[in-house]
All heavy atoms as atom14 arrays in JSON, in Angstrom:
{
  "sequence": "LPPVDQITGFNVVALSFLTLAGARDQAQAFAQLSADQRTAK",
  "atom14_mask": [
    [1, 1, 1, 1, 1, 1, 1, 1, 0, 0, 0, 0, 0, 0],
    [1, 1, 1, 1, 1, 1, 1, 0, 0, 0, 0, 0, 0, 0],
    [1, 1, 1, 1, 1, 1, 1, 0, 0, 0, 0, 0, 0, 0],
    [1, 1, 1, 1, 1, 1, 1, 0, 0, 0, 0, 0, 0, 0],
    [1, 1, 1, 1, 1, 1, 1, 1, 0, 0, 0, 0, 0, 0],
    [1, 1, 1, 1, 1, 1, 1, 1, 1, 0, 0, 0, 0, 0],
    [1, 1, 1, 1, 1, 1, 1, 1, 0, 0, 0, 0, 0, 0],
    [1, 1, 1, 1, 1, 1, 1, 0, 0, 0, 0, 0, 0, 0],
    [1, 1, 1, 1, 0, 0, 0, 0, 0, 0, 0, 0, 0, 0],
    [1, 1, 1, 1, 1, 1, 1, 1, 1, 1, 1, 0, 0, 0],
    [1, 1, 1, 1, 1, 1, 1, 1, 0, 0, 0, 0, 0, 0],
    [1, 1, 1, 1, 1, 1, 1, 0, 0, 0, 0, 0, 0, 0],
    [1, 1, 1, 1, 1, 1, 1, 0, 0, 0, 0, 0, 0, 0],
    [1, 1, 1, 1, 1, 0, 0, 0, 0, 0, 0, 0, 0, 0],
    [1, 1, 1, 1, 1, 1, 1, 1, 0, 0, 0, 0, 0, 0],
    [1, 1, 1, 1, 1, 1, 0, 0, 0, 0, 0, 0, 0, 0],
    [1, 1, 1, 1, 1, 1, 1, 1, 1, 1, 1, 0, 0, 0],
    [1, 1, 1, 1, 1, 1, 1, 1, 0, 0, 0, 0, 0, 0],
    [1, 1, 1, 1, 1, 1, 1, 0, 0, 0, 0, 0, 0, 0],
    [1, 1, 1, 1, 1, 1, 1, 1, 0, 0, 0, 0, 0, 0],
    [1, 1, 1, 1, 1, 0, 0, 0, 0, 0, 0, 0, 0, 0],
    [1, 1, 1, 1, 0, 0, 0, 0, 0, 0, 0, 0, 0, 0],
    [1, 1, 1, 1, 1, 0, 0, 0, 0, 0, 0, 0, 0, 0],
    [1, 1, 1, 1, 1, 1, 1, 1, 1, 1, 1, 0, 0, 0],
    [1, 1, 1, 1, 1, 1, 1, 1, 0, 0, 0, 0, 0, 0],
    [1, 1, 1, 1, 1, 1, 1, 1, 1, 0, 0, 0, 0, 0],
    [1, 1, 1, 1, 1, 0, 0, 0, 0, 0, 0, 0, 0, 0],
    [1, 1, 1, 1, 1, 1, 1, 1, 1, 0, 0, 0, 0, 0],
    [1, 1, 1, 1, 1, 0, 0, 0, 0, 0, 0, 0, 0, 0],
    [1, 1, 1, 1, 1, 1, 1, 1, 1, 1, 1, 0, 0, 0],
    [1, 1, 1, 1, 1, 0, 0, 0, 0, 0, 0, 0, 0, 0],
    [1, 1, 1, 1, 1, 1, 1, 1, 1, 0, 0, 0, 0, 0],
    [1, 1, 1, 1, 1, 1, 1, 1, 0, 0, 0, 0, 0, 0],
    [1, 1, 1, 1, 1, 1, 0, 0, 0, 0, 0, 0, 0, 0],
    [1, 1, 1, 1, 1, 0, 0, 0, 0, 0, 0, 0, 0, 0],
    [1, 1, 1, 1, 1, 1, 1, 1, 0, 0, 0, 0, 0, 0],
    [1, 1, 1, 1, 1, 1, 1, 1, 1, 0, 0, 0, 0, 0],
    [1, 1, 1, 1, 1, 1, 1, 1, 1, 1, 1, 0, 0, 0],
    [1, 1, 1, 1, 1, 1, 1, 0, 0, 0, 0, 0, 0, 0],
    [1, 1, 1, 1, 1, 0, 0, 0, 0, 0, 0, 0, 0, 0],
    [1, 1, 1, 1, 1, 1, 1, 1, 1, 0, 0, 0, 0, 0]
  ],
  "atom14_positions": [
    [[-80.67, 103.15, 294.13], [-80.56, 104.45, 293.48], [-79.11, 104.81, 293.16], [-78.19, 104.46, 293.89], [-81.15, 105.54, 294.37], [-82.64, 105.43, 294.71], [-83.05, 106.58, 295.6], [-83.48, 105.4, 293.44], [0.0, 0.0, 0.0], [0.0, 0.0, 0.0], [0.0, 0.0, 0.0], [0.0, 0.0, 0.0], [0.0, 0.0, 0.0], [0.0, 0.0, 0.0]],
    [[-78.9, 105.54, 292.07], [-77.55, 106.07, 291.81], [-77.09, 106.94, 292.97], [-77.89, 107.75, 293.48], [-77.75, 106.91, 290.54], [-78.96, 106.34, 289.87], [-79.85, 105.91, 291.0], [0.0, 0.0, 0.0], [0.0, 0.0, 0.0], [0.0, 0.0, 0.0], [0.0, 0.0, 0.0], [0.0, 0.0, 0.0], [0.0, 0.0, 0.0], [0.0, 0.0, 0.0]],
    [[-75.84, 106.83, 293.4], [-75.35, 107.69, 294.48], [-75.46, 109.17, 294.09], [-75.21, 109.54, 292.95], [-73.88, 107.27, 294.62], [-73.82, 105.88, 294.07], [-74.83, 105.86, 292.96], [0.0, 0.0, 0.0], [0.0, 0.0, 0.0], [0.0, 0.0, 0.0], [0.0, 0.0, 0.0], [0.0, 0.0, 0.0], [0.0, 0.0, 0.0], [0.0, 0.0, 0.0]],
    [[-75.82, 109.98, 295.06], [-76.04, 111.4, 294.8], [-74.82, 112.06, 294.17], [-74.94, 112.86, 293.23], [-76.45, 112.13, 296.09], [-76.37, 113.64, 295.93], [-77.85, 111.72, 296.51], [0.0, 0.0, 0.0], [0.0, 0.0, 0.0], [0.0, 0.0, 0.0], [0.0, 0.0, 0.0], [0.0, 0.0, 0.0], [0.0, 0.0, 0.0], [0.0, 0.0, 0.0]],
    [[-73.61, 111.71, 294.67], [-72.42, 112.38, 294.15], [-72.11, 111.99, 292.71], [-71.31, 112.65, 292.05], [-71.21, 112.13, 295.06], [-70.79, 110.67, 295.13], [-71.49, 109.8, 294.56], [-69.77, 110.38, 295.79], [0.0, 0.0, 0.0], [0.0, 0.0, 0.0], [0.0, 0.0, 0.0], [0.0, 0.0, 0.0], [0.0, 0.0, 0.0], [0.0, 0.0, 0.0]],
    [[-72.75, 110.93, 292.19], [-72.54, 110.53, 290.81], [-73.56, 111.13, 289.84], [-73.44, 110.97, 288.63], [-72.54, 109.0, 290.7], [-71.36, 108.34, 291.41], [-71.32, 106.84, 291.21], [-71.76, 106.32, 290.18], [-70.79, 106.13, 292.2], [0.0, 0.0, 0.0], [0.0, 0.0, 0.0], [0.0, 0.0, 0.0], [0.0, 0.0, 0.0], [0.0, 0.0, 0.0]],
    [[-74.57, 111.81, 290.4], [-75.59, 112.42, 289.53], [-75.78, 113.9, 289.86], [-76.78, 114.5, 289.47], [-76.93, 111.67, 289.61], [-77.42, 111.59, 291.06], [-76.82, 110.3, 288.98], [-78.86, 111.12, 291.18], [0.0, 0.0, 0.0], [0.0, 0.0, 0.0], [0.0, 0.0, 0.0], [0.0, 0.0, 0.0], [0.0, 0.0, 0.0], [0.0, 0.0, 0.0]],
    [[-74.82, 114.49, 290.57], [-74.89, 115.92, 290.85], [-75.03, 116.7, 289.55], [-74.31, 116.45, 288.58], [-73.63, 116.37, 291.61], [-73.54, 115.65, 292.83], [-73.67, 117.86, 291.89], [0.0, 0.0, 0.0], [0.0, 0.0, 0.0], [0.0, 0.0, 0.0], [0.0, 0.0, 0.0], [0.0, 0.0, 0.0], [0.0, 0.0, 0.0], [0.0, 0.0, 0.0]],
    [[-75.96, 117.63, 289.53], [-76.25, 118.38, 288.3], [-77.59, 118.01, 287.7], [-78.17, 118.78, 286.94], [0.0, 0.0, 0.0], [0.0, 0.0, 0.0], [0.0, 0.0, 0.0], [0.0, 0.0, 0.0], [0.0, 0.0, 0.0], [0.0, 0.0, 0.0], [0.0, 0.0, 0.0], [0.0, 0.0, 0.0], [0.0, 0.0, 0.0], [0.0, 0.0, 0.0]],
    [[-78.09, 116.82, 288.04], [-79.46, 116.44, 287.69], [-80.39, 116.81, 288.85], [-79.98, 116.8, 290.01], [-79.56, 114.93, 287.44], [-78.89, 114.47, 286.17], [-77.62, 113.91, 286.21], [-79.53, 114.6, 284.95], [-77.0, 113.48, 285.05], [-78.92, 114.17, 283.78], [-77.65, 113.61, 283.83], [0.0, 0.0, 0.0], [0.0, 0.0, 0.0], [0.0, 0.0, 0.0]],
    [[-81.64, 117.12, 288.54], [-82.6, 117.41, 289.61], [-83.85, 116.54, 289.58], [-84.76, 116.73, 290.39], [-82.97, 118.9, 289.64], [-83.49, 119.41, 288.31], [-83.94, 118.65, 287.46], [-83.41, 120.73, 288.11], [0.0, 0.0, 0.0], [0.0, 0.0, 0.0], [0.0, 0.0, 0.0], [0.0, 0.0, 0.0], [0.0, 0.0, 0.0], [0.0, 0.0, 0.0]],
    [[-83.89, 115.57, 288.66], [-84.98, 114.59, 288.62], [-84.39, 113.24, 288.24], [-83.63, 113.14, 287.27], [-86.07, 114.97, 287.6], [-87.18, 113.92, 287.58], [-86.65, 116.34, 287.88], [0.0, 0.0, 0.0], [0.0, 0.0, 0.0], [0.0, 0.0, 0.0], [0.0, 0.0, 0.0], [0.0, 0.0, 0.0], [0.0, 0.0, 0.0], [0.0, 0.0, 0.0]],
    [[-84.75, 112.21, 289.01], [-84.38, 110.84, 288.68], [-85.66, 110.06, 288.42], [-86.59, 110.1, 289.24], [-83.56, 110.18, 289.8], [-83.42, 108.68, 289.56], [-82.19, 110.82, 289.9], [0.0, 0.0, 0.0], [0.0, 0.0, 0.0], [0.0, 0.0, 0.0], [0.0, 0.0, 0.0], [0.0, 0.0, 0.0], [0.0, 0.0, 0.0], [0.0, 0.0, 0.0]],
    [[-85.72, 109.36, 287.28], [-86.91, 108.59, 286.9], [-86.62, 107.1, 287.01], [-85.79, 106.56, 286.26], [-87.33, 108.94, 285.48], [0.0, 0.0, 0.0], [0.0, 0.0, 0.0], [0.0, 0.0, 0.0], [0.0, 0.0, 0.0], [0.0, 0.0, 0.0], [0.0, 0.0, 0.0], [0.0, 0.0, 0.0], [0.0, 0.0, 0.0], [0.0, 0.0, 0.0]],
    [[-87.29, 106.45, 287.95], [-87.19, 105.01, 288.12], [-87.91, 104.33, 286.96], [-89.07, 104.61, 286.68], [-87.83, 104.58, 289.44], [-87.2, 105.12, 290.73], [-88.16, 104.93, 291.9], [-85.88, 104.42, 291.0], [0.0, 0.0, 0.0], [0.0, 0.0, 0.0], [0.0, 0.0, 0.0], [0.0, 0.0, 0.0], [0.0, 0.0, 0.0], [0.0, 0.0, 0.0]],
    [[-87.24, 103.41, 286.3], [-87.81, 102.79, 285.1], [-87.92, 101.27, 285.29], [-86.99, 100.66, 285.83], [-86.92, 103.09, 283.91], [-86.68, 104.48, 283.8], [0.0, 0.0, 0.0], [0.0, 0.0, 0.0], [0.0, 0.0, 0.0], [0.0, 0.0, 0.0], [0.0, 0.0, 0.0], [0.0, 0.0, 0.0], [0.0, 0.0, 0.0], [0.0, 0.0, 0.0]],
    [[-89.01, 100.67, 284.9], [-90.27, 101.2, 284.4], [-91.43, 100.6, 285.18], [-91.33, 99.49, 285.69], [-90.44, 100.87, 282.91], [-89.56, 101.7, 282.01], [-88.37, 101.18, 281.51], [-89.93, 102.99, 281.65], [-87.56, 101.93, 280.68], [-89.13, 103.75, 280.81], [-87.94, 103.23, 280.33], [0.0, 0.0, 0.0], [0.0, 0.0, 0.0], [0.0, 0.0, 0.0]],
    [[-92.52, 101.35, 285.24], [-93.78, 100.85, 285.81], [-94.65, 100.44, 284.63], [-95.15, 101.28, 283.88], [-94.46, 101.93, 286.64], [-95.79, 101.57, 287.31], [-95.64, 100.37, 288.23], [-96.35, 102.76, 288.06], [0.0, 0.0, 0.0], [0.0, 0.0, 0.0], [0.0, 0.0, 0.0], [0.0, 0.0, 0.0], [0.0, 0.0, 0.0], [0.0, 0.0, 0.0]],
    [[-94.82, 99.14, 284.43], [-95.48, 98.63, 283.23], [-96.91, 98.18, 283.53], [-97.36, 98.17, 284.68], [-94.7, 97.44, 282.64], [-94.89, 96.29, 283.48], [-93.21, 97.74, 282.55], [0.0, 0.0, 0.0], [0.0, 0.0, 0.0], [0.0, 0.0, 0.0], [0.0, 0.0, 0.0], [0.0, 0.0, 0.0], [0.0, 0.0, 0.0], [0.0, 0.0, 0.0]],
    [[-97.6, 97.76, 282.48], [-98.95, 97.23, 282.66], [-98.95, 96.0, 283.56], [-99.94, 95.73, 284.26], [-99.55, 96.86, 281.29], [-99.83, 98.02, 280.34], [-100.23, 97.47, 278.97], [-100.92, 98.93, 280.89], [0.0, 0.0, 0.0], [0.0, 0.0, 0.0], [0.0, 0.0, 0.0], [0.0, 0.0, 0.0], [0.0, 0.0, 0.0], [0.0, 0.0, 0.0]],
    [[-97.86, 95.27, 283.56], [-97.76, 94.05, 284.38], [-97.18, 94.31, 285.76], [-97.0, 93.38, 286.54], [-96.91, 93.01, 283.65], [0.0, 0.0, 0.0], [0.0, 0.0, 0.0], [0.0, 0.0, 0.0], [0.0, 0.0, 0.0], [0.0, 0.0, 0.0], [0.0, 0.0, 0.0], [0.0, 0.0, 0.0], [0.0, 0.0, 0.0], [0.0, 0.0, 0.0]],
    [[-96.91, 95.56, 286.09], [-96.33, 95.9, 287.38], [-94.99, 96.56, 287.24], [-94.51, 96.82, 286.13], [0.0, 0.0, 0.0], [0.0, 0.0, 0.0], [0.0, 0.0, 0.0], [0.0, 0.0, 0.0], [0.0, 0.0, 0.0], [0.0, 0.0, 0.0], [0.0, 0.0, 0.0], [0.0, 0.0, 0.0], [0.0, 0.0, 0.0], [0.0, 0.0, 0.0]],
    [[-94.36, 96.84, 288.37], [-93.05, 97.5, 288.36], [-91.97, 96.54, 287.89], [-91.98, 95.36, 288.23], [-92.72, 98.02, 289.75], [0.0, 0.0, 0.0], [0.0, 0.0, 0.0], [0.0, 0.0, 0.0], [0.0, 0.0, 0.0], [0.0, 0.0, 0.0], [0.0, 0.0, 0.0], [0.0, 0.0, 0.0], [0.0, 0.0, 0.0], [0.0, 0.0, 0.0]],
    [[-91.02, 97.05, 287.12], [-89.92, 96.26, 286.6], [-88.61, 97.01, 286.87], [-88.58, 98.21, 287.1], [-90.08, 96.04, 285.09], [-91.3, 95.2, 284.72], [-91.13, 93.76, 285.18], [-92.25, 92.92, 284.78], [-93.25, 92.57, 285.57], [-93.28, 93.04, 286.81], [-94.19, 91.76, 285.14], [0.0, 0.0, 0.0], [0.0, 0.0, 0.0], [0.0, 0.0, 0.0]],
    [[-87.51, 96.28, 286.82], [-86.17, 96.86, 286.88], [-86.02, 97.79, 288.09], [-86.3, 97.4, 289.2], [-85.83, 97.53, 285.55], [-85.94, 96.58, 284.36], [-85.69, 95.37, 284.56], [-86.26, 97.01, 283.25], [0.0, 0.0, 0.0], [0.0, 0.0, 0.0], [0.0, 0.0, 0.0], [0.0, 0.0, 0.0], [0.0, 0.0, 0.0], [0.0, 0.0, 0.0]],
    [[-85.58, 99.01, 287.89], [-85.3, 99.9, 289.02], [-86.57, 100.33, 289.75], [-86.54, 100.57, 290.97], [-84.53, 101.13, 288.53], [-83.06, 100.84, 288.21], [-82.24, 100.6, 289.46], [-82.26, 99.51, 290.04], [-81.51, 101.62, 289.89], [0.0, 0.0, 0.0], [0.0, 0.0, 0.0], [0.0, 0.0, 0.0], [0.0, 0.0, 0.0], [0.0, 0.0, 0.0]],
    [[-87.68, 100.44, 289.05], [-88.94, 100.75, 289.74], [-89.32, 99.63, 290.69], [-89.75, 99.87, 291.83], [-90.05, 100.98, 288.71], [0.0, 0.0, 0.0], [0.0, 0.0, 0.0], [0.0, 0.0, 0.0], [0.0, 0.0, 0.0], [0.0, 0.0, 0.0], [0.0, 0.0, 0.0], [0.0, 0.0, 0.0], [0.0, 0.0, 0.0], [0.0, 0.0, 0.0]],
    [[-89.14, 98.42, 290.25], [-89.43, 97.26, 291.1], [-88.46, 97.19, 292.27], [-88.87, 96.95, 293.42], [-89.32, 95.98, 290.27], [-89.57, 94.7, 291.06], [-89.35, 93.46, 290.22], [-88.35, 93.37, 289.5], [-90.26, 92.52, 290.28], [0.0, 0.0, 0.0], [0.0, 0.0, 0.0], [0.0, 0.0, 0.0], [0.0, 0.0, 0.0], [0.0, 0.0, 0.0]],
    [[-87.18, 97.41, 292.0], [-86.17, 97.32, 293.06], [-86.44, 98.33, 294.16], [-86.31, 98.03, 295.36], [-84.77, 97.52, 292.47], [0.0, 0.0, 0.0], [0.0, 0.0, 0.0], [0.0, 0.0, 0.0], [0.0, 0.0, 0.0], [0.0, 0.0, 0.0], [0.0, 0.0, 0.0], [0.0, 0.0, 0.0], [0.0, 0.0, 0.0], [0.0, 0.0, 0.0]],
    [[-86.82, 99.55, 293.78], [-87.12, 100.56, 294.79], [-88.35, 100.18, 295.59], [-88.37, 100.31, 296.82], [-87.32, 101.93, 294.13], [-87.52, 103.04, 295.11], [-86.44, 103.59, 295.78], [-88.79, 103.55, 295.39], [-86.6, 104.61, 296.71], [-88.97, 104.57, 296.3], [-87.87, 105.1, 296.97], [0.0, 0.0, 0.0], [0.0, 0.0, 0.0], [0.0, 0.0, 0.0]],
    [[-89.38, 99.69, 294.93], [-90.62, 99.32, 295.62], [-90.39, 98.17, 296.59], [-91.12, 98.05, 297.6], [-91.7, 98.95, 294.61], [0.0, 0.0, 0.0], [0.0, 0.0, 0.0], [0.0, 0.0, 0.0], [0.0, 0.0, 0.0], [0.0, 0.0, 0.0], [0.0, 0.0, 0.0], [0.0, 0.0, 0.0], [0.0, 0.0, 0.0], [0.0, 0.0, 0.0]],
    [[-89.4, 97.33, 296.32], [-89.15, 96.17, 297.18], [-88.26, 96.49, 298.39], [-88.08, 95.64, 299.25], [-88.54, 95.04, 296.36], [-89.54, 94.42, 295.38], [-88.94, 93.32, 294.54], [-87.73, 93.26, 294.32], [-89.78, 92.44, 294.03], [0.0, 0.0, 0.0], [0.0, 0.0, 0.0], [0.0, 0.0, 0.0], [0.0, 0.0, 0.0], [0.0, 0.0, 0.0]],
    [[-87.73, 97.7, 298.46], [-87.03, 98.13, 299.67], [-88.03, 98.26, 300.82], [-89.23, 98.43, 300.6], [-86.34, 99.48, 299.44], [-85.2, 99.52, 298.43], [-84.76, 100.96, 298.21], [-84.02, 98.67, 298.9], [0.0, 0.0, 0.0], [0.0, 0.0, 0.0], [0.0, 0.0, 0.0], [0.0, 0.0, 0.0], [0.0, 0.0, 0.0], [0.0, 0.0, 0.0]],
    [[-87.54, 98.22, 302.03], [-88.43, 98.44, 303.17], [-88.9, 99.9, 303.16], [-88.26, 100.77, 302.55], [-87.7, 98.14, 304.47], [-86.7, 99.13, 304.72], [0.0, 0.0, 0.0], [0.0, 0.0, 0.0], [0.0, 0.0, 0.0], [0.0, 0.0, 0.0], [0.0, 0.0, 0.0], [0.0, 0.0, 0.0], [0.0, 0.0, 0.0], [0.0, 0.0, 0.0]],
    [[-89.98, 100.16, 303.85], [-90.51, 101.52, 303.92], [-89.48, 102.47, 304.5], [-89.32, 103.61, 304.01], [-91.79, 101.55, 304.75], [0.0, 0.0, 0.0], [0.0, 0.0, 0.0], [0.0, 0.0, 0.0], [0.0, 0.0, 0.0], [0.0, 0.0, 0.0], [0.0, 0.0, 0.0], [0.0, 0.0, 0.0], [0.0, 0.0, 0.0], [0.0, 0.0, 0.0]],
    [[-88.75, 102.02, 305.52], [-87.72, 102.88, 306.12], [-86.59, 103.17, 305.13], [-86.08, 104.3, 305.07], [-87.14, 102.22, 307.37], [-88.1, 102.25, 308.55], [-89.1, 103.01, 308.49], [-87.86, 101.53, 309.53], [0.0, 0.0, 0.0], [0.0, 0.0, 0.0], [0.0, 0.0, 0.0], [0.0, 0.0, 0.0], [0.0, 0.0, 0.0], [0.0, 0.0, 0.0]],
    [[-86.19, 102.18, 304.34], [-85.15, 102.39, 303.35], [-85.61, 103.38, 302.27], [-84.85, 104.26, 301.88], [-84.76, 101.06, 302.7], [-83.96, 100.13, 303.58], [-83.72, 98.79, 302.91], [-84.65, 98.13, 302.44], [-82.46, 98.38, 302.85], [0.0, 0.0, 0.0], [0.0, 0.0, 0.0], [0.0, 0.0, 0.0], [0.0, 0.0, 0.0], [0.0, 0.0, 0.0]],
    [[-86.83, 103.21, 301.8], [-87.35, 104.13, 300.79], [-87.41, 105.56, 301.32], [-87.02, 106.51, 300.64], [-88.75, 103.7, 300.32], [-88.77, 102.41, 299.51], [-90.07, 102.24, 298.75], [-91.24, 102.28, 299.6], [-91.79, 101.22, 300.18], [-91.26, 100.02, 300.01], [-92.87, 101.35, 300.92], [0.0, 0.0, 0.0], [0.0, 0.0, 0.0], [0.0, 0.0, 0.0]],
    [[-87.87, 105.7, 302.56], [-87.97, 107.03, 303.17], [-86.6, 107.69, 303.28], [-86.43, 108.88, 302.96], [-88.62, 106.94, 304.55], [-89.96, 106.43, 304.41], [-88.68, 108.3, 305.22], [0.0, 0.0, 0.0], [0.0, 0.0, 0.0], [0.0, 0.0, 0.0], [0.0, 0.0, 0.0], [0.0, 0.0, 0.0], [0.0, 0.0, 0.0], [0.0, 0.0, 0.0]],
    [[-85.62, 106.92, 303.72], [-84.27, 107.46, 303.91], [-83.66, 107.87, 302.57], [-83.04, 108.94, 302.44], [-83.38, 106.45, 304.62], [0.0, 0.0, 0.0], [0.0, 0.0, 0.0], [0.0, 0.0, 0.0], [0.0, 0.0, 0.0], [0.0, 0.0, 0.0], [0.0, 0.0, 0.0], [0.0, 0.0, 0.0], [0.0, 0.0, 0.0], [0.0, 0.0, 0.0]],
    [[-83.8, 107.03, 301.55], [-83.2, 107.32, 300.25], [-83.9, 108.52, 299.59], [-83.25, 109.38, 298.99], [-83.27, 106.08, 299.36], [-82.33, 104.96, 299.85], [-82.41, 103.74, 298.97], [-81.48, 102.65, 299.5], [-80.07, 103.06, 299.52], [0.0, 0.0, 0.0], [0.0, 0.0, 0.0], [0.0, 0.0, 0.0], [0.0, 0.0, 0.0], [0.0, 0.0, 0.0]]
  ]
}
């Protein structure tokens, strides 16, 4: 994820993209983190 201090002023971050073939790019990267990492972030 982008560091919080680099996106201050935004209030929604959209992980891109969840495609017909599954998660790709940042959506995939987030899904592949451990459950504890996802929870913390």
